[in-house]
Amino acid sequence: MACMTSSAKQLVAFVLIAALLLAGCGSDSSDSSDSSASAATVSDIADSELTTDTTTDEDAPDSAETVATTEPVVVEAEGDAPEPTVLATPVAVTLEPETAEPASAETDTASTDSASNDPVAVANPDYLGGYVYVDEGFGTMVTVTVNGDGRTIASNALPNHETGQFPNAGNPNTISEQAKTWTYTTTPTYVGTPSIVREPGVALNGVKFEPDTAERVNCATGEQYRIEGLQDTFDLGMDFNNAHVQPTGEYHYHGVSDLLVEAYDNDEDLVLVGFAADGFLMYYSKSGSYESSYVLSTEVRTGTDCTYRDNAVEVAGTTADGTYASDWVYVDGLGELDQCNGTIVDGTYAYIVTEEYPFVPRCLMGEAASATSGPGGAGGAEPTQGGQGAAGGPGAGGPPDLDNVASILGIARAELEAALGTPPPDLAQAAAALGITEAELQAALFG
């Protein structure tokens, strides 16, 4: 064969390189989509400046591969999310080894290179799949695993954004790392009957939503008023994220956090911010397109000799201003949202976190068959600033079984539901309507 000229050799080399590139681009990138993500500890992240280098321990072929970068890191989402998830920075992400049936070495290599070097900017709905989120700066560690019809969220409950100063004048507690796990369904069922819950859901960053409080104003005449978290009368130590800290050290949201929204913002009006305990999704509308259906009551408050933490509180003759949960009344059809701040989004039921009451859903319209571990289970009342739960509220299960409660009280369920009214219920008024003491009602509801 005649010797090739220099230009001919360059042409052949170019053709070979182009062929290799086309082969790489044509590889099935789904080979890595079955990889599951596991939590990475802060100690797994190098103390030095993060780089775009990817390292693998060749002596331990079964070990996870760690990616650290100052650019968005792509993690193949699990479950229903077919596109890669772009996580915020700075993060370190742990990718588990391939567990599905392996493809050829050439395909695996091309798929890995594509995921590592060609990040795809995607909207936050890709958090519907499994993901790992680690932020060394704030100490945030979240692992979400989607298997079949279940979504498991494991979190240390540290937010991925700035917080206010804690302790503060209204909240004596210090934020501390937790060990929380929630398991929600990915195939929610809408039942249309509101179920009262203490923890309606968890944000994408692994911090729970818990809008109610255990703070009460008690009156000698029997009235009890539950203090709202977001109000201007009593200082509960809320920060600029509408959040504060429980005695356990757990930071949690009582309303929308602008910094949370910004962390998962995209070009759409609706920003996915969390998962509800019944499996439906939680959104925030940047345009405020969805209005709540709650208004302030026009009834005058009653109650004499009322106190809060041994301090006298004037109640009788005052009017509703949003200080207490009972100040609010649900008006069906007033706004786009139902009793639980839910509506239909793209043909599917979902909840909206709003700037106005109830801020975060106080009830759920789906089957809330959820499991929670760690301090402050899904059904427990938020501890007070002094560390005690509300009377009758420390239970760790889901919402009360109203059939069982009705049986205990010797009444029909319909009568019980009518007395409780729309969520959140005023237990003092409900007890009065049933002709029993509030203590008896609380004992039946919470044991």
Protein backbone atom coordinates (compact mmCIF):
# COMPACT_ATOMS: atom_id res chain seq x y z
CA MET A 1 0.00 0.00 0.00
CA ALA A 2 1.32 3.43 -0.90
CA CYS A 3 2.36 5.69 1.97
CA MET A 4 -0.18 8.27 3.02
CA THR A 5 0.57 11.92 2.79
CA SER A 6 0.44 14.05 5.95
CA SER A 7 -2.90 15.57 4.93
CA ALA A 8 -4.36 12.13 4.26
CA LYS A 9 -3.30 10.94 7.68
CA GLN A 10 -4.96 13.97 9.26
CA LEU A 11 -8.15 13.25 7.32
CA VAL A 12 -8.24 9.61 8.50
CA ALA A 13 -7.59 10.69 12.09
CA PHE A 14 -10.41 13.22 11.89
CA VAL A 15 -12.83 10.57 10.58
CA LEU A 16 -11.87 8.16 13.36
CA ILE A 17 -12.30 10.83 16.05
CA ALA A 18 -15.68 11.85 14.63
CA ALA A 19 -16.80 8.22 14.63
CA LEU A 20 -15.78 7.80 18.26
CA LEU A 21 -17.62 10.99 19.25
CA LEU A 22 -20.76 9.88 17.45
CA ALA A 23 -20.57 6.51 19.18
CA GLY A 24 -20.28 8.27 22.54
CA CYS A 25 -23.23 10.57 21.83
CA GLY A 26 -25.34 7.65 20.72
CA SER A 27 -24.88 5.68 23.90
CA ASP A 28 -27.97 5.06 25.96
CA SER A 29 -27.67 7.57 28.80
CA SER A 30 -30.37 5.69 30.69
CA ASP A 31 -27.76 3.12 31.74
CA SER A 32 -26.88 5.32 34.65
CA SER A 33 -30.43 6.43 35.43
CA ASP A 34 -31.01 3.39 37.63
CA SER A 35 -28.23 4.43 39.96
CA SER A 36 -29.56 5.17 43.43
CA ALA A 37 -28.27 8.07 45.51
CA SER A 38 -27.18 7.74 49.11
CA ALA A 39 -26.45 10.38 51.71
CA ALA A 40 -22.98 11.88 51.90
CA THR A 41 -21.71 13.27 55.15
CA VAL A 42 -20.03 16.64 55.40
CA SER A 43 -16.82 14.86 56.34
CA ASP A 44 -16.89 13.20 52.90
CA ILE A 45 -16.35 16.61 51.33
CA ALA A 46 -12.77 17.79 50.94
CA ASP A 47 -11.87 20.83 53.05
CA SER A 48 -9.94 22.32 50.17
CA GLU A 49 -11.58 24.39 47.43
CA LEU A 50 -14.09 22.32 45.44
CA THR A 51 -12.95 21.35 41.95
CA THR A 52 -14.55 19.66 38.98
CA ASP A 53 -12.39 16.59 39.48
CA THR A 54 -14.06 13.17 39.73
CA THR A 55 -12.22 10.46 41.63
CA THR A 56 -12.89 6.77 42.12
CA ASP A 57 -11.19 4.39 44.54
CA GLU A 58 -9.82 1.78 42.15
CA ASP A 59 -8.96 -0.53 45.05
CA ALA A 60 -12.61 -0.65 46.10
CA PRO A 61 -14.70 -1.37 42.99
CA ASP A 62 -17.94 -1.51 45.02
CA SER A 63 -17.45 1.87 46.66
CA ALA A 64 -19.46 4.93 45.69
CA GLU A 65 -18.13 7.57 43.34
CA THR A 66 -17.93 11.09 44.79
CA VAL A 67 -18.34 14.17 42.64
CA ALA A 68 -17.43 17.60 43.98
CA THR A 69 -17.79 20.70 41.87
CA THR A 70 -18.35 24.43 41.92
CA GLU A 71 -20.65 24.02 38.92
CA PRO A 72 -24.15 22.49 39.02
CA VAL A 73 -23.80 18.79 39.70
CA VAL A 74 -25.94 16.39 37.73
CA VAL A 75 -27.44 13.41 39.50
CA GLU A 76 -29.42 10.85 37.60
CA ALA A 77 -32.91 10.98 39.09
CA GLU A 78 -34.63 7.80 40.16
CA GLY A 79 -38.18 6.68 39.77
CA ASP A 80 -40.45 8.80 37.59
CA ALA A 81 -37.95 11.54 36.74
CA PRO A 82 -36.29 10.65 33.42
CA GLU A 83 -34.06 13.71 33.24
CA PRO A 84 -30.96 14.41 35.33
CA THR A 85 -31.35 16.67 38.34
CA VAL A 86 -29.22 19.78 38.67
CA LEU A 87 -28.51 20.45 42.32
CA ALA A 88 -27.56 23.79 43.80
CA THR A 89 -23.98 24.60 44.68
CA PRO A 90 -21.77 24.14 46.58
CA VAL A 91 -22.54 20.44 46.91
CA ALA A 92 -20.98 17.03 46.98
CA VAL A 93 -23.01 14.20 45.54
CA THR A 94 -22.52 10.49 46.12
CA LEU A 95 -23.46 8.21 43.25
CA GLU A 96 -24.01 4.56 44.09
CA PRO A 97 -22.48 1.93 41.76
CA GLU A 98 -24.69 0.61 38.96
CA THR A 99 -27.08 -2.01 40.34
CA ALA A 100 -29.04 -2.83 37.21
CA GLU A 101 -27.89 -5.34 34.62
CA PRO A 102 -24.61 -3.90 33.30
CA ALA A 103 -24.26 -2.89 29.69
CA SER A 104 -21.04 -2.98 27.74
CA ALA A 105 -18.01 -1.20 29.15
CA GLU A 106 -18.07 1.22 26.24
CA THR A 107 -21.70 2.17 26.89
CA ASP A 108 -21.17 2.57 30.64
CA THR A 109 -18.18 4.85 30.11
CA ALA A 110 -19.96 7.02 27.57
CA SER A 111 -23.03 7.32 29.81
CA THR A 112 -20.94 8.34 32.82
CA ASP A 113 -19.01 10.90 30.83
CA SER A 114 -22.22 12.41 29.50
CA ALA A 115 -23.70 12.78 32.98
CA SER A 116 -20.54 14.28 34.44
CA ASN A 117 -19.48 16.66 31.71
CA ASP A 118 -22.69 17.73 30.02
CA PRO A 119 -25.01 19.02 32.78
CA VAL A 120 -28.51 19.74 31.58
CA ALA A 121 -30.32 22.70 33.09
CA VAL A 122 -33.70 21.32 34.10
CA ALA A 123 -36.63 22.70 36.08
CA ASN A 124 -37.13 21.60 39.66
CA PRO A 125 -39.87 19.02 38.91
CA ASP A 126 -36.97 16.64 38.38
CA TYR A 127 -36.77 16.48 42.16
CA LEU A 128 -39.66 14.06 41.81
CA GLY A 129 -37.00 11.39 41.40
CA GLY A 130 -34.33 10.33 43.84
CA TYR A 131 -31.61 12.81 44.67
CA VAL A 132 -28.88 13.61 47.15
CA TYR A 133 -28.33 17.17 48.33
CA VAL A 134 -25.31 18.09 50.43
CA ASP A 135 -24.34 21.69 51.15
CA GLU A 136 -21.14 21.95 53.14
CA GLY A 137 -21.61 25.64 53.85
CA PHE A 138 -24.93 25.22 55.65
CA GLY A 139 -24.43 21.58 56.67
CA THR A 140 -27.53 20.42 54.75
CA MET A 141 -27.72 16.70 54.03
CA VAL A 142 -30.76 15.20 52.30
CA THR A 143 -31.22 11.85 50.58
CA VAL A 144 -34.44 11.13 48.71
CA THR A 145 -35.00 7.61 47.43
CA VAL A 146 -37.90 6.62 45.17
CA ASN A 147 -38.65 2.91 45.07
CA GLY A 148 -41.86 1.71 43.48
CA ASP A 149 -44.72 3.68 45.00
CA GLY A 150 -42.75 5.05 47.96
CA ARG A 151 -40.62 8.13 48.48
CA THR A 152 -38.26 8.10 51.48
CA ILE A 153 -36.73 11.36 52.66
CA ALA A 154 -33.76 11.14 55.04
CA SER A 155 -32.57 14.50 56.35
CA ASN A 156 -30.54 16.17 59.07
CA ALA A 157 -33.14 19.01 58.97
CA LEU A 158 -30.56 21.76 58.47
CA PRO A 159 -31.77 24.31 55.87
CA ASN A 160 -29.76 25.16 52.76
CA HIS A 161 -30.01 28.90 53.33
CA GLU A 162 -29.39 31.59 55.92
CA THR A 163 -31.50 31.68 59.06
CA GLY A 164 -32.20 34.22 61.77
CA GLN A 165 -30.32 34.35 65.05
CA PHE A 166 -31.23 31.60 67.48
CA PRO A 167 -31.68 31.73 70.42
CA ASN A 168 -33.49 35.05 70.36
CA ALA A 169 -35.87 37.02 72.60
CA GLY A 170 -38.90 35.02 71.51
CA ASN A 171 -37.27 31.62 71.02
CA PRO A 172 -34.67 30.24 73.44
CA ASN A 173 -33.74 27.23 71.30
CA THR A 174 -30.64 26.51 69.20
CA ILE A 175 -30.71 24.92 65.75
CA SER A 176 -29.14 21.47 65.81
CA GLU A 177 -28.72 18.56 63.45
CA GLN A 178 -31.50 15.97 63.50
CA ALA A 179 -31.97 12.44 62.18
CA LYS A 180 -35.34 12.52 60.39
CA THR A 181 -36.91 10.09 57.96
CA TRP A 182 -40.27 10.41 56.22
CA THR A 183 -41.88 7.89 53.89
CA TYR A 184 -44.64 9.12 51.60
CA THR A 185 -46.45 7.49 48.72
CA THR A 186 -45.73 8.46 45.11
CA THR A 187 -49.20 7.33 44.05
CA PRO A 188 -51.46 9.52 46.20
CA THR A 189 -55.22 8.99 46.45
CA TYR A 190 -57.55 11.97 46.69
CA VAL A 191 -60.39 11.31 49.12
CA GLY A 192 -61.85 14.82 49.37
CA THR A 193 -62.27 14.71 53.15
CA PRO A 194 -59.86 16.93 55.10
CA SER A 195 -57.67 15.18 57.67
CA ILE A 196 -56.06 17.40 60.28
CA VAL A 197 -52.28 16.93 60.47
CA ARG A 198 -49.51 18.51 62.48
CA GLU A 199 -46.78 18.12 59.86
CA PRO A 200 -48.38 18.48 56.41
CA GLY A 201 -45.15 17.90 54.53
CA VAL A 202 -41.43 18.35 54.01
CA ALA A 203 -39.56 20.86 51.85
CA LEU A 204 -37.15 19.72 49.13
CA ASN A 205 -34.27 20.67 51.42
CA GLY A 206 -35.41 18.24 54.13
CA VAL A 207 -36.86 20.85 56.51
CA LYS A 208 -40.42 20.13 57.65
CA PHE A 209 -43.47 22.37 57.39
CA GLU A 210 -45.31 22.69 60.72
CA PRO A 211 -47.63 25.72 60.64
CA ASP A 212 -49.53 25.24 63.92
CA THR A 213 -48.16 25.99 67.39
CA ALA A 214 -48.74 24.58 70.85
CA GLU A 215 -48.95 28.06 72.39
CA ARG A 216 -52.32 28.77 74.07
CA VAL A 217 -54.16 31.56 75.82
CA ASN A 218 -56.32 29.98 78.53
CA CYS A 219 -59.30 31.68 80.14
CA ALA A 220 -60.83 30.97 83.53
CA THR A 221 -64.22 30.77 81.85
CA GLY A 222 -63.08 27.77 79.77
CA GLU A 223 -62.10 29.36 76.45
CA GLN A 224 -58.76 28.40 74.93
CA TYR A 225 -57.19 30.24 72.02
CA ARG A 226 -54.38 28.68 70.01
CA ILE A 227 -51.82 31.31 69.06
CA GLU A 228 -50.89 31.48 65.40
CA GLY A 229 -47.22 31.20 64.46
CA LEU A 230 -47.33 34.17 62.10
CA GLN A 231 -48.93 37.07 63.96
CA ASP A 232 -47.81 40.32 65.57
CA THR A 233 -49.20 40.05 69.11
CA PHE A 234 -46.96 37.41 70.68
CA ASP A 235 -43.25 37.05 69.96
CA LEU A 236 -42.53 33.43 69.07
CA GLY A 237 -39.09 34.20 67.69
CA MET A 238 -39.85 33.74 63.98
CA ASP A 239 -37.03 34.67 61.62
CA PHE A 240 -37.18 36.13 58.09
CA ASN A 241 -37.94 32.63 56.73
CA ASN A 242 -41.17 32.46 58.75
CA ALA A 243 -39.47 29.72 60.75
CA HIS A 244 -38.14 29.09 64.22
CA VAL A 245 -36.72 26.28 66.38
CA GLN A 246 -38.34 23.70 68.63
CA PRO A 247 -36.79 22.68 71.97
CA THR A 248 -35.42 19.59 70.22
CA GLY A 249 -33.33 21.90 68.03
CA GLU A 250 -35.39 21.24 64.92
CA TYR A 251 -35.76 24.20 62.57
CA HIS A 252 -39.11 24.24 60.73
CA TYR A 253 -41.28 26.45 58.54
CA HIS A 254 -44.58 28.05 59.61
CA GLY A 255 -44.99 29.79 56.26
CA VAL A 256 -43.26 30.44 52.98
CA SER A 257 -39.51 31.12 52.99
CA ASP A 258 -38.32 33.39 50.18
CA LEU A 259 -34.89 31.78 50.37
CA LEU A 260 -36.38 28.31 50.02
CA VAL A 261 -38.30 29.43 46.94
CA GLU A 262 -35.19 31.04 45.46
CA ALA A 263 -33.21 27.83 45.95
CA TYR A 264 -35.58 25.89 43.68
CA ASP A 265 -36.84 28.68 41.44
CA ASN A 266 -37.19 28.30 37.68
CA ASP A 267 -38.87 30.12 34.82
CA GLU A 268 -42.30 28.77 35.71
CA ASP A 269 -44.76 30.55 38.00
CA LEU A 270 -45.26 27.47 40.17
CA VAL A 271 -42.17 26.44 42.07
CA LEU A 272 -42.06 22.94 43.52
CA VAL A 273 -41.07 23.41 47.17
CA GLY A 274 -41.98 20.17 48.91
CA PHE A 275 -43.82 16.90 49.31
CA ALA A 276 -47.06 16.59 51.29
CA ALA A 277 -47.55 13.72 53.71
CA ASP A 278 -50.28 12.22 51.54
CA GLY A 279 -47.98 12.12 48.51
CA PHE A 280 -49.30 15.13 46.63
CA LEU A 281 -46.91 17.95 45.73
CA MET A 282 -46.50 21.36 47.36
CA TYR A 283 -45.98 24.46 45.22
CA TYR A 284 -45.49 28.19 45.65
CA SER A 285 -46.92 30.63 43.10
CA LYS A 286 -44.56 33.53 42.41
CA SER A 287 -47.41 35.58 40.94
CA GLY A 288 -49.79 34.83 43.81
CA SER A 289 -52.29 33.42 41.31
CA TYR A 290 -53.97 31.18 43.85
CA GLU A 291 -55.98 32.83 46.62
CA SER A 292 -56.87 31.33 49.96
CA SER A 293 -60.53 30.86 50.89
CA TYR A 294 -60.12 31.96 54.51
CA VAL A 295 -61.29 35.29 55.95
CA LEU A 296 -61.26 36.84 59.41
CA SER A 297 -64.24 36.04 61.58
CA THR A 298 -66.67 38.83 62.44
CA GLU A 299 -67.54 37.31 65.82
CA VAL A 300 -66.42 39.04 69.00
CA ARG A 301 -64.13 36.97 71.23
CA THR A 302 -65.26 35.85 74.66
CA GLY A 303 -63.39 34.84 77.81
CA THR A 304 -62.36 36.45 81.07
CA ASP A 305 -59.32 36.12 83.33
CA CYS A 306 -57.23 34.91 80.40
CA THR A 307 -53.51 34.31 80.65
CA TYR A 308 -50.54 33.31 78.52
CA ARG A 309 -47.47 32.12 80.46
CA ASP A 310 -48.89 33.63 83.63
CA ASN A 311 -49.33 37.00 81.93
CA ALA A 312 -52.82 38.52 81.73
CA VAL A 313 -54.30 38.75 78.24
CA GLU A 314 -57.36 40.80 77.35
CA VAL A 315 -59.71 38.71 75.24
CA ALA A 316 -63.37 39.50 75.98
CA GLY A 317 -64.83 41.96 73.51
CA THR A 318 -61.85 41.93 71.15
CA THR A 319 -62.20 41.19 67.45
CA ALA A 320 -60.41 38.79 65.14
CA ASP A 321 -57.08 40.03 63.76
CA GLY A 322 -55.30 36.77 62.94
CA THR A 323 -53.63 36.33 66.34
CA TYR A 324 -55.47 33.09 67.02
CA ALA A 325 -56.34 30.14 64.79
CA SER A 326 -60.03 30.59 65.62
CA ASP A 327 -59.89 34.08 64.10
CA TRP A 328 -60.04 32.51 60.66
CA VAL A 329 -63.12 31.13 58.90
CA TYR A 330 -63.20 29.08 55.70
CA VAL A 331 -65.60 30.28 53.00
CA ASP A 332 -66.15 27.66 50.33
CA GLY A 333 -65.43 29.03 46.87
CA LEU A 334 -64.10 32.39 48.05
CA GLY A 335 -60.70 31.74 46.47
CA GLU A 336 -59.17 29.16 44.18
CA LEU A 337 -57.97 27.00 47.09
CA ASP A 338 -59.94 24.57 49.24
CA GLN A 339 -59.89 24.04 53.01
CA CYS A 340 -56.43 22.48 52.82
CA ASN A 341 -55.03 25.14 50.44
CA GLY A 342 -55.25 22.68 47.58
CA THR A 343 -56.34 22.89 43.96
CA ILE A 344 -55.91 21.14 40.64
CA VAL A 345 -52.56 21.73 38.92
CA ASP A 346 -52.09 20.21 35.45
CA GLY A 347 -54.92 17.79 36.08
CA THR A 348 -53.58 16.62 39.46
CA TYR A 349 -54.43 17.73 42.97
CA ALA A 350 -51.68 19.74 44.69
CA TYR A 351 -51.17 22.12 47.61
CA ILE A 352 -50.14 25.76 47.41
CA VAL A 353 -48.03 27.50 50.05
CA THR A 354 -49.40 31.04 50.24
CA GLU A 355 -48.48 34.44 51.64
CA GLU A 356 -51.81 34.64 53.47
CA TYR A 357 -53.55 32.33 55.95
CA PRO A 358 -53.33 29.36 56.22
CA PHE A 359 -49.84 29.91 54.71
CA VAL A 360 -49.15 26.15 54.77
CA PRO A 361 -51.90 23.49 54.63
CA ARG A 362 -53.33 22.57 58.04
CA CYS A 363 -55.04 19.48 56.66
CA LEU A 364 -54.69 16.99 53.81
CA MET A 365 -57.19 15.80 51.22
CA GLY A 366 -55.41 12.54 50.40
CA GLU A 367 -54.77 9.35 52.29
CA ALA A 368 -51.98 10.31 54.67
CA ALA A 369 -50.46 6.87 55.18
CA SER A 370 -47.05 8.27 56.09
CA ALA A 371 -44.32 7.14 58.44
CA THR A 372 -42.01 9.47 60.32
CA SER A 373 -39.08 8.75 62.57
CA GLY A 374 -37.07 11.02 64.80
CA PRO A 375 -38.29 13.57 67.38
CA GLY A 376 -41.60 15.24 66.61
CA GLY A 377 -43.54 12.65 64.62
CA ALA A 378 -46.19 13.57 62.11
CA GLY A 379 -49.02 13.68 64.60
CA GLY A 380 -47.32 15.30 67.57
CA ALA A 381 -48.04 18.85 68.62
CA GLU A 382 -45.25 21.35 68.25
CA PRO A 383 -43.51 21.66 71.63
CA THR A 384 -43.92 24.99 73.33
CA GLN A 385 -40.97 27.31 73.92
CA GLY A 386 -40.59 25.70 77.32
CA GLY A 387 -40.44 22.23 75.81
CA GLN A 388 -43.92 20.92 76.58
CA GLY A 389 -46.48 19.90 74.01
CA ALA A 390 -50.02 21.21 74.00
CA ALA A 391 -52.44 19.48 76.29
CA GLY A 392 -53.36 16.17 74.73
CA GLY A 393 -51.14 16.81 71.71
CA PRO A 394 -47.97 14.75 72.01
CA GLY A 395 -49.20 11.75 70.09
CA ALA A 396 -46.84 10.40 67.43
CA GLY A 397 -49.33 8.92 64.99
CA GLY A 398 -51.40 10.40 62.18
CA PRO A 399 -54.71 12.25 62.55
CA PRO A 400 -57.19 10.89 65.12
CA ASP A 401 -59.52 8.09 64.08
CA LEU A 402 -62.83 9.94 64.23
CA ASP A 403 -64.85 6.73 64.22
CA ASN A 404 -62.98 5.58 67.30
CA VAL A 405 -63.29 9.01 68.95
CA ALA A 406 -67.03 9.06 68.29
CA SER A 407 -67.33 5.57 69.80
CA ILE A 408 -65.45 6.66 72.92
CA LEU A 409 -67.74 9.66 73.34
CA GLY A 410 -70.86 7.63 72.58
CA ILE A 411 -71.98 9.83 69.70
CA ALA A 412 -72.26 9.56 65.93
CA ARG A 413 -69.29 10.47 63.77
CA ALA A 414 -71.40 13.04 61.94
CA GLU A 415 -72.14 14.79 65.24
CA LEU A 416 -68.44 14.82 66.10
CA GLU A 417 -67.47 16.21 62.68
CA ALA A 418 -70.12 18.92 62.94
CA ALA A 419 -68.79 19.98 66.34
CA LEU A 420 -65.16 20.03 65.18
CA GLY A 421 -66.04 22.06 62.10
CA THR A 422 -63.51 22.89 59.41
CA PRO A 423 -59.80 22.53 60.21
CA PRO A 424 -58.19 23.65 62.35
CA PRO A 425 -60.82 22.93 65.03
CA ASP A 426 -61.46 25.01 68.13
CA LEU A 427 -61.53 22.28 70.77
CA ALA A 428 -63.10 24.50 73.43
CA GLN A 429 -66.03 25.37 71.20
CA ALA A 430 -66.33 21.77 69.95
CA ALA A 431 -66.46 20.45 73.51
CA ALA A 432 -69.11 23.01 74.43
CA ALA A 433 -71.19 21.98 71.42
CA LEU A 434 -70.95 18.33 72.48
CA GLY A 435 -71.80 19.12 76.08
CA ILE A 436 -68.53 17.76 77.47
CA THR A 437 -65.39 19.31 78.90
CA GLU A 438 -62.45 20.16 76.69
CA ALA A 439 -60.31 17.74 78.71
CA GLU A 440 -62.72 14.90 77.86
CA LEU A 441 -62.59 15.77 74.17
CA GLN A 442 -58.81 15.97 74.18
CA ALA A 443 -58.57 12.61 75.95
CA ALA A 444 -60.79 11.01 73.31
CA LEU A 445 -58.89 12.59 70.42
CA PHE A 446 -55.34 12.10 71.61
CA GLY A 447 -55.49 9.46 74.33
